[in-house]
Amino acid sequence: MPIMEDFELVRRLRCRGTLVTLSKAAVTSAQRWQYLGAIRTTIINQIMVAGFFGGVSVQRLIRLYRGKGTIGNAKNQSREDLR
């Protein structure tokens, strides 16, 4: 699954039992949040979830998330490091 794989994994795991939170932190990049800002990134993420549940094609979701659709293009987002 090229996009939303983490979201889908958690959904499937939740069906199998109780999820636990580990005490050790996960390390991830904050570049997308810094570049687009918290509000814009949160809105894009929520649109992605709604599209996923609404049956939007994976190809369309990828275009939207990477800024080649209508929601991620305002700052000319073409930087590869934001994926």
Protein backbone atom coordinates (compact mmCIF):
# COMPACT_ATOMS: atom_id res chain seq x y z
CA MET A 1 0.00 0.00 0.00
CA PRO A 2 1.81 3.16 -1.17
CA ILE A 3 -0.05 5.59 1.12
CA MET A 4 -2.13 5.45 4.32
CA GLU A 5 -0.33 2.20 5.22
CA ASP A 6 0.31 3.26 8.82
CA PHE A 7 -3.32 4.30 9.26
CA GLU A 8 -4.61 1.01 7.84
CA LEU A 9 -2.17 -1.02 9.95
CA VAL A 10 -3.42 0.58 13.17
CA ARG A 11 -7.04 0.02 12.10
CA ARG A 12 -6.37 -3.67 11.51
CA LEU A 13 -4.43 -4.10 14.73
CA ARG A 14 -7.20 -2.43 16.72
CA CYS A 15 -9.57 -5.18 15.51
CA ARG A 16 -7.22 -7.85 16.88
CA GLY A 17 -7.06 -6.56 20.43
CA THR A 18 -5.96 -3.76 22.70
CA LEU A 19 -3.28 -1.41 21.46
CA VAL A 20 -0.61 -0.35 23.91
CA THR A 21 1.60 2.70 23.97
CA LEU A 22 5.28 1.99 24.39
CA SER A 23 7.41 4.16 26.63
CA LYS A 24 10.11 4.62 23.97
CA ALA A 25 9.50 7.47 21.50
CA ALA A 26 9.39 7.00 17.74
CA VAL A 27 11.62 9.32 15.73
CA THR A 28 10.18 10.89 12.60
CA SER A 29 10.75 13.93 10.44
CA ALA A 30 8.96 17.20 11.17
CA GLN A 31 9.77 18.77 7.78
CA ARG A 32 6.24 18.56 6.41
CA TRP A 33 4.82 20.14 9.58
CA GLN A 34 7.43 22.90 9.55
CA TYR A 35 7.04 23.62 5.84
CA LEU A 36 3.23 23.59 5.64
CA GLY A 37 2.41 24.51 9.23
CA ALA A 38 0.34 22.66 11.81
CA ILE A 39 -3.10 23.78 10.64
CA ARG A 40 -2.55 23.05 6.95
CA THR A 41 -0.89 19.69 7.67
CA THR A 42 -3.73 18.68 10.01
CA ILE A 43 -6.34 19.64 7.41
CA ILE A 44 -4.52 17.68 4.70
CA ASN A 45 -4.29 14.64 6.99
CA GLN A 46 -8.00 14.81 7.79
CA ILE A 47 -8.87 15.10 4.10
CA MET A 48 -6.70 12.04 3.46
CA VAL A 49 -8.56 10.02 6.10
CA ALA A 50 -11.95 11.16 4.75
CA GLY A 51 -10.88 10.28 1.22
CA PHE A 52 -9.59 6.89 2.34
CA PHE A 53 -12.92 6.07 3.99
CA GLY A 54 -14.83 7.64 1.10
CA GLY A 55 -13.27 5.33 -1.47
CA VAL A 56 -11.01 7.86 -3.21
CA SER A 57 -8.46 6.01 -5.34
CA VAL A 58 -4.97 5.48 -3.95
CA GLN A 59 -3.51 7.32 -6.96
CA ARG A 60 -5.66 10.38 -6.24
CA LEU A 61 -4.76 10.32 -2.54
CA ILE A 62 -1.06 10.22 -3.46
CA ARG A 63 -1.47 13.22 -5.78
CA LEU A 64 -3.33 15.17 -3.11
CA TYR A 65 -0.83 14.33 -0.38
CA ARG A 66 2.22 15.16 -2.44
CA GLY A 67 0.80 18.49 -3.54
CA LYS A 68 -0.04 17.68 -7.14
CA GLY A 69 -3.76 17.84 -6.45
CA THR A 70 -5.83 20.69 -5.11
CA ILE A 71 -5.00 20.68 -1.38
CA GLY A 72 -1.22 20.66 -1.18
CA ASN A 73 -0.27 23.03 -3.96
CA ALA A 74 -0.54 26.51 -2.45
CA LYS A 75 3.15 26.77 -1.56
CA ASN A 76 4.33 25.10 -4.77
CA GLN A 77 5.03 21.95 -2.83
CA SER A 78 7.25 19.83 -5.01
CA ARG A 79 10.03 19.07 -2.54
CA GLU A 80 10.79 15.35 -2.48
CA ASP A 81 11.77 15.47 1.21
CA LEU A 82 8.17 16.24 2.22
CA ARG A 83 6.90 12.78 1.31
